[in-house]
Protein backbone atom coordinates (compact mmCIF):
# COMPACT_ATOMS: atom_id res chain seq x y z
CA MET A 1 -8.96 -19.54 28.11
CA ALA A 2 -8.91 -15.91 29.15
CA ASN A 3 -11.45 -13.54 27.72
CA PHE A 4 -11.40 -9.72 27.63
CA GLY A 5 -15.12 -9.03 27.39
CA THR A 6 -15.89 -10.17 23.85
CA THR A 7 -12.20 -10.40 22.95
CA VAL A 8 -11.01 -13.98 22.75
CA ILE A 9 -7.29 -14.40 23.35
CA HIS A 10 -5.78 -16.47 20.53
CA GLU A 11 -2.68 -18.63 20.47
CA GLY A 12 0.49 -16.84 19.35
CA VAL A 13 3.99 -15.67 19.97
CA PHE A 14 3.14 -13.26 22.78
CA TYR A 15 1.92 -15.97 25.15
CA GLN A 16 5.11 -15.89 27.20
CA LEU A 17 4.96 -12.09 27.35
CA PHE A 18 1.50 -12.02 28.91
CA PHE A 19 2.06 -15.11 31.01
CA GLU A 20 5.11 -13.51 32.61
CA VAL A 21 3.18 -10.40 33.63
CA GLY A 22 0.52 -12.65 35.12
CA LEU A 23 -2.29 -11.35 32.94
CA LEU A 24 -3.15 -14.63 31.25
CA LYS A 25 -3.13 -18.19 32.53
CA SER A 26 -3.22 -20.03 29.22
CA GLY A 27 -0.96 -20.28 26.20
CA GLN A 28 -2.92 -17.78 24.18
CA THR A 29 -2.81 -14.11 23.19
CA LEU A 30 -4.89 -11.38 21.63
CA GLY A 31 -5.42 -11.98 17.92
CA GLY A 32 -3.72 -9.05 16.25
CA PHE A 33 -2.99 -7.26 13.03
CA ILE A 34 0.54 -6.65 11.74
CA ILE A 35 1.22 -3.82 9.27
CA VAL A 36 4.59 -3.38 7.53
CA ALA A 37 5.99 -0.21 5.91
CA VAL A 38 9.35 -0.21 4.09
CA ASP A 39 11.55 2.83 3.40
CA PHE A 40 12.16 3.49 -0.33
CA THR A 41 13.95 6.83 0.07
CA ALA A 42 17.11 7.67 -1.86
CA SER A 43 19.23 7.82 1.30
CA ASN A 44 19.33 4.02 1.16
CA GLY A 45 21.55 4.22 -1.91
CA ASP A 46 21.09 3.01 -5.48
CA PRO A 47 19.84 -0.61 -5.29
CA ARG A 48 22.25 -1.48 -8.11
CA SER A 49 25.22 -0.51 -5.94
CA PRO A 50 26.73 -3.00 -3.47
CA ASP A 51 26.82 -0.14 -0.93
CA SER A 52 23.03 0.22 -1.00
CA LEU A 53 20.91 -1.11 1.84
CA HIS A 54 18.52 -2.30 -0.88
CA TYR A 55 21.22 -4.09 -2.91
CA SER A 56 20.19 -7.61 -3.88
CA VAL A 57 23.21 -9.60 -2.83
CA PRO A 58 24.14 -12.52 -5.12
CA ARG A 59 23.78 -16.11 -3.93
CA GLY A 60 20.65 -15.32 -1.97
CA VAL A 61 22.30 -13.44 0.89
CA PRO A 62 19.62 -11.10 2.32
CA ASN A 63 20.18 -7.34 2.28
CA ALA A 64 19.53 -5.23 5.38
CA TYR A 65 15.82 -4.85 4.65
CA GLN A 66 15.28 -8.50 3.76
CA GLN A 67 17.08 -9.52 6.93
CA ALA A 68 14.91 -7.22 9.06
CA ILE A 69 11.70 -8.37 7.37
CA LYS A 70 12.61 -12.03 7.81
CA GLU A 71 13.93 -11.87 11.37
CA ILE A 72 11.15 -9.71 12.75
CA GLY A 73 8.41 -11.13 10.56
CA GLU A 74 9.10 -14.71 11.57
CA VAL A 75 8.71 -13.72 15.22
CA ILE A 76 5.73 -11.43 15.02
CA GLN A 77 3.71 -13.25 12.33
CA PHE A 78 2.25 -15.57 14.95
CA TYR A 79 0.56 -12.56 16.54
CA ASP A 80 -1.49 -11.96 13.39
CA SER A 81 -4.63 -14.06 13.41
CA ASP A 82 -4.75 -14.69 9.63
CA ARG A 83 -1.14 -13.86 8.68
CA ARG A 84 -2.27 -11.60 5.85
CA PHE A 85 -0.29 -8.41 6.29
CA PRO A 86 -0.94 -4.93 4.92
CA ALA A 87 2.43 -4.10 3.34
CA TRP A 88 3.35 -0.63 2.16
CA GLY A 89 6.32 1.28 0.89
CA PHE A 90 7.01 4.97 1.38
CA GLY A 91 9.26 7.61 -0.13
CA GLY A 92 9.45 5.99 -3.57
CA ARG A 93 8.57 7.03 -7.11
CA THR A 94 5.93 4.58 -8.27
CA PRO A 95 5.34 3.42 -11.89
CA ASP A 96 2.96 6.35 -12.44
CA HIS A 97 6.04 8.61 -11.91
CA ASN A 98 4.63 10.17 -8.74
CA ILE A 99 6.41 10.14 -5.39
CA SER A 100 4.24 8.30 -2.89
CA HIS A 101 4.60 8.28 0.88
CA CYS A 102 2.32 5.26 1.25
CA PHE A 103 1.97 2.83 -1.65
CA ASN A 104 0.98 -0.83 -1.79
CA LEU A 105 4.17 -2.89 -1.72
CA ASN A 106 2.66 -5.58 -3.96
CA GLY A 107 1.84 -3.05 -6.68
CA SER A 108 -1.88 -3.79 -6.51
CA ALA A 109 -4.27 -0.89 -6.88
CA VAL A 110 -6.97 -2.56 -4.78
CA ASP A 111 -5.43 -4.91 -2.20
CA PHE A 112 -2.54 -4.00 0.11
CA LYS A 113 -2.39 -7.36 1.91
CA VAL A 114 0.15 -10.12 1.28
CA GLU A 115 0.34 -13.71 2.51
CA GLY A 116 2.81 -14.29 5.32
CA VAL A 117 6.46 -13.31 5.59
CA ASP A 118 7.18 -14.88 2.20
CA GLY A 119 4.54 -12.61 0.72
CA ILE A 120 6.20 -9.54 2.23
CA MET A 121 9.57 -10.65 0.87
CA ALA A 122 8.15 -11.27 -2.61
CA ALA A 123 6.30 -7.93 -2.67
CA TYR A 124 9.45 -6.12 -1.51
CA SER A 125 11.57 -7.75 -4.24
CA SER A 126 8.96 -6.88 -6.86
CA ALA A 127 8.76 -3.27 -5.65
CA LEU A 128 12.53 -2.89 -6.01
CA GLN A 129 12.10 -3.63 -9.72
CA ASN A 130 9.23 -1.18 -10.22
CA VAL A 131 9.74 1.66 -7.74
CA SER A 132 12.55 4.24 -7.89
CA LEU A 133 14.02 5.52 -4.65
CA ALA A 134 13.09 9.14 -3.91
CA GLY A 135 12.15 10.93 -0.69
CA PRO A 136 11.93 12.66 1.70
CA THR A 137 11.47 10.32 4.69
CA LEU A 138 7.91 10.89 5.89
CA PHE A 139 6.35 8.68 8.56
CA GLY A 140 3.12 10.64 8.96
CA PRO A 141 1.22 9.14 6.00
CA VAL A 142 1.84 5.49 6.94
CA ILE A 143 1.05 6.16 10.62
CA ASN A 144 -2.20 7.90 9.66
CA LYS A 145 -3.19 5.03 7.36
CA ALA A 146 -2.42 2.45 10.06
CA ALA A 147 -4.44 4.54 12.52
CA ASP A 148 -7.38 4.50 10.10
CA ILE A 149 -7.27 0.69 10.08
CA ALA A 150 -7.01 0.50 13.87
CA GLY A 151 -9.80 3.03 14.30
CA HIS A 152 -12.09 1.12 11.94
CA SER A 153 -11.40 -2.09 13.86
CA LEU A 154 -12.24 -0.35 17.13
CA SER A 155 -15.46 1.14 15.78
CA CYS A 156 -16.55 -2.29 14.52
CA HIS A 157 -15.77 -3.87 17.91
CA HIS A 158 -13.30 -6.31 16.35
CA ALA A 159 -11.04 -5.83 19.38
CA LYS A 160 -7.77 -6.46 17.57
CA TYR A 161 -4.55 -4.81 18.66
CA HIS A 162 -2.46 -3.52 15.74
CA VAL A 163 1.31 -3.24 15.35
CA LEU A 164 2.86 -1.04 12.65
CA LEU A 165 6.44 -1.94 11.72
CA ILE A 166 8.28 0.92 10.01
CA ILE A 167 11.56 -0.38 8.57
CA THR A 168 13.83 2.56 7.76
CA ASP A 169 17.42 3.70 7.35
CA GLY A 170 17.33 7.15 8.83
CA VAL A 171 15.86 10.14 10.55
CA VAL A 172 12.31 11.23 9.76
CA SER A 173 11.93 14.46 7.78
CA ASP A 174 8.42 15.34 8.96
CA LEU A 175 9.04 15.24 12.71
CA GLN A 176 6.17 17.51 13.77
CA GLU A 177 3.68 15.85 11.42
CA THR A 178 4.83 12.47 12.72
CA ILE A 179 4.40 13.58 16.33
CA ASN A 180 0.90 14.83 15.51
CA ALA A 181 0.05 11.48 13.91
CA VAL A 182 1.43 9.52 16.88
CA VAL A 183 -0.48 11.64 19.41
CA LYS A 184 -3.70 11.21 17.43
CA ALA A 185 -3.15 7.45 17.23
CA SER A 186 -2.38 7.05 20.94
CA ASP A 187 -6.10 6.52 21.72
CA LEU A 188 -6.28 3.57 19.33
CA PRO A 189 -5.33 -0.13 19.65
CA LEU A 190 -2.00 0.50 17.92
CA SER A 191 1.71 0.28 18.63
CA ILE A 192 4.46 1.52 16.29
CA ILE A 193 7.80 -0.26 16.11
CA ILE A 194 10.45 1.68 14.19
CA VAL A 195 13.05 -0.78 12.96
CA GLY A 196 16.33 0.94 12.14
CA VAL A 197 18.56 -0.85 9.64
CA MET A 198 21.14 1.89 10.26
CA PRO A 199 21.95 3.70 13.52
CA ILE A 200 19.14 6.19 14.22
CA SER A 201 19.63 9.28 16.36
CA ARG A 202 17.40 9.43 19.41
CA LYS A 203 17.49 13.22 19.61
CA TRP A 204 14.19 13.21 17.71
CA SER A 205 12.88 10.33 19.82
CA LEU A 206 9.18 9.62 19.38
CA ASP A 207 8.81 7.41 22.41
CA ALA A 208 8.28 8.43 26.01
CA ASP A 209 11.35 6.80 27.56
CA ASN A 210 12.20 10.15 29.17
CA GLY A 211 8.93 10.07 31.10
CA HIS A 212 7.27 12.83 29.06
CA ARG A 213 4.47 11.93 26.70
CA LEU A 214 4.47 13.49 23.24
CA GLU A 215 2.65 16.76 22.63
CA SER A 216 1.12 17.70 19.28
CA SER A 217 1.39 21.09 17.60
CA THR A 218 -2.08 21.91 18.95
CA GLY A 219 -1.10 21.12 22.54
CA ARG A 220 -2.74 17.73 22.78
CA ILE A 221 -0.86 15.25 24.98
CA ALA A 222 -0.56 11.62 23.90
CA THR A 223 -2.80 9.28 25.86
CA ARG A 224 0.04 6.77 26.16
CA ASP A 225 3.40 5.83 24.68
CA ILE A 226 2.92 3.78 21.51
CA VAL A 227 6.36 4.00 19.86
CA GLN A 228 9.36 1.72 20.26
CA PHE A 229 12.73 1.62 18.48
CA VAL A 230 14.46 -1.59 17.45
CA PRO A 231 17.95 -0.75 16.10
CA MET A 232 18.90 -3.94 14.25
CA ARG A 233 22.64 -3.32 14.24
CA GLU A 234 22.67 -2.77 17.99
CA VAL A 235 20.54 -5.86 18.49
CA HIS A 236 23.01 -7.94 16.50
CA GLY A 237 26.01 -6.30 18.13
CA ARG A 238 24.79 -6.97 21.66
CA LYS A 239 23.62 -10.44 20.63
CA ILE A 240 20.15 -9.72 22.01
CA SER A 241 17.48 -11.81 20.37
CA VAL A 242 14.93 -10.16 18.13
CA VAL A 243 12.23 -11.46 20.46
CA GLU A 244 13.80 -9.65 23.42
CA ALA A 245 14.10 -6.44 21.40
CA LEU A 246 10.49 -6.59 20.19
CA LEU A 247 9.09 -7.32 23.62
CA GLU A 248 10.98 -4.56 25.41
CA GLU A 249 8.05 -2.12 25.36
CA LEU A 250 5.18 -3.78 23.51
CA PRO A 251 3.78 -5.59 26.58
CA SER A 252 3.43 -2.40 28.61
CA GLN A 253 1.96 -0.54 25.63
CA PHE A 254 -0.67 -3.24 25.14
CA LEU A 255 -1.49 -3.37 28.85
CA THR A 256 -1.77 0.42 29.02
CA HIS A 257 -4.29 0.28 26.19
CA VAL A 258 -6.23 -2.42 28.03
CA ARG A 259 -6.34 -0.28 31.17
CA CYS A 260 -7.24 2.91 29.29
CA ARG A 261 -10.17 1.10 27.67
CA ASP A 262 -11.08 -0.53 30.99
CA ILE A 263 -10.95 -3.98 29.39
CA LYS A 264 -11.07 -6.45 32.26
CA PRO A 265 -9.82 -10.04 31.98
CA LEU A 266 -12.29 -12.76 32.87
CA ASN A 267 -11.57 -16.24 34.20
CA VAL A 268 -7.99 -15.36 35.12
């Protein structure tokens, strides 16, 4: 078993990822924390309409969001040590008639966690019955909340690496606020995977694929790249597996965090 200081590397889906880069020598990975945020903005279309990305298709055929949750969740759930996921929605009008940019998907006022992928699916289906689509599309609030969780974990020396999945249909409306949130979070054990259920323009790209790290409105430069895009339609069109898409950048982001924190593997 490999050990990063006090961080024990647990069994999970990312074994092959770390094994291939030669970091670990056993079939185990860092116990992590998966966070899911689902887009409830009006640009998805009225859920009662067959044209809507949130339309509940008869005979149990999954809609675009259900398909993304299931395909990605079933891969990445093994990375979460207890498989209890914080699950949020954003951009919807909640039962209290207020538009919320980060609400608990399960409708609970006290607990935002759900059990496994089935729990995410059930919470999503329930939210569709109780939340009206609104907008605009703001990523900043969910990123900041995920960063709070990651920061708390770091301060408590829990040594868990967090992954925020933002499942969305379109371009973010609060680009500068989102950039500021990403830059602030770049010091934390956090990666952000933006899952596009529709084609998403890269002209507002939040990742550093062009070699330039993000800069906040105050001039602060991101410590590292923590954002990755997974365009589901392109993945399906090119017949690339979801695993391949998810692992395109996440390994290097995790390893960069390890190096930035000077976490050294033992017994490797």
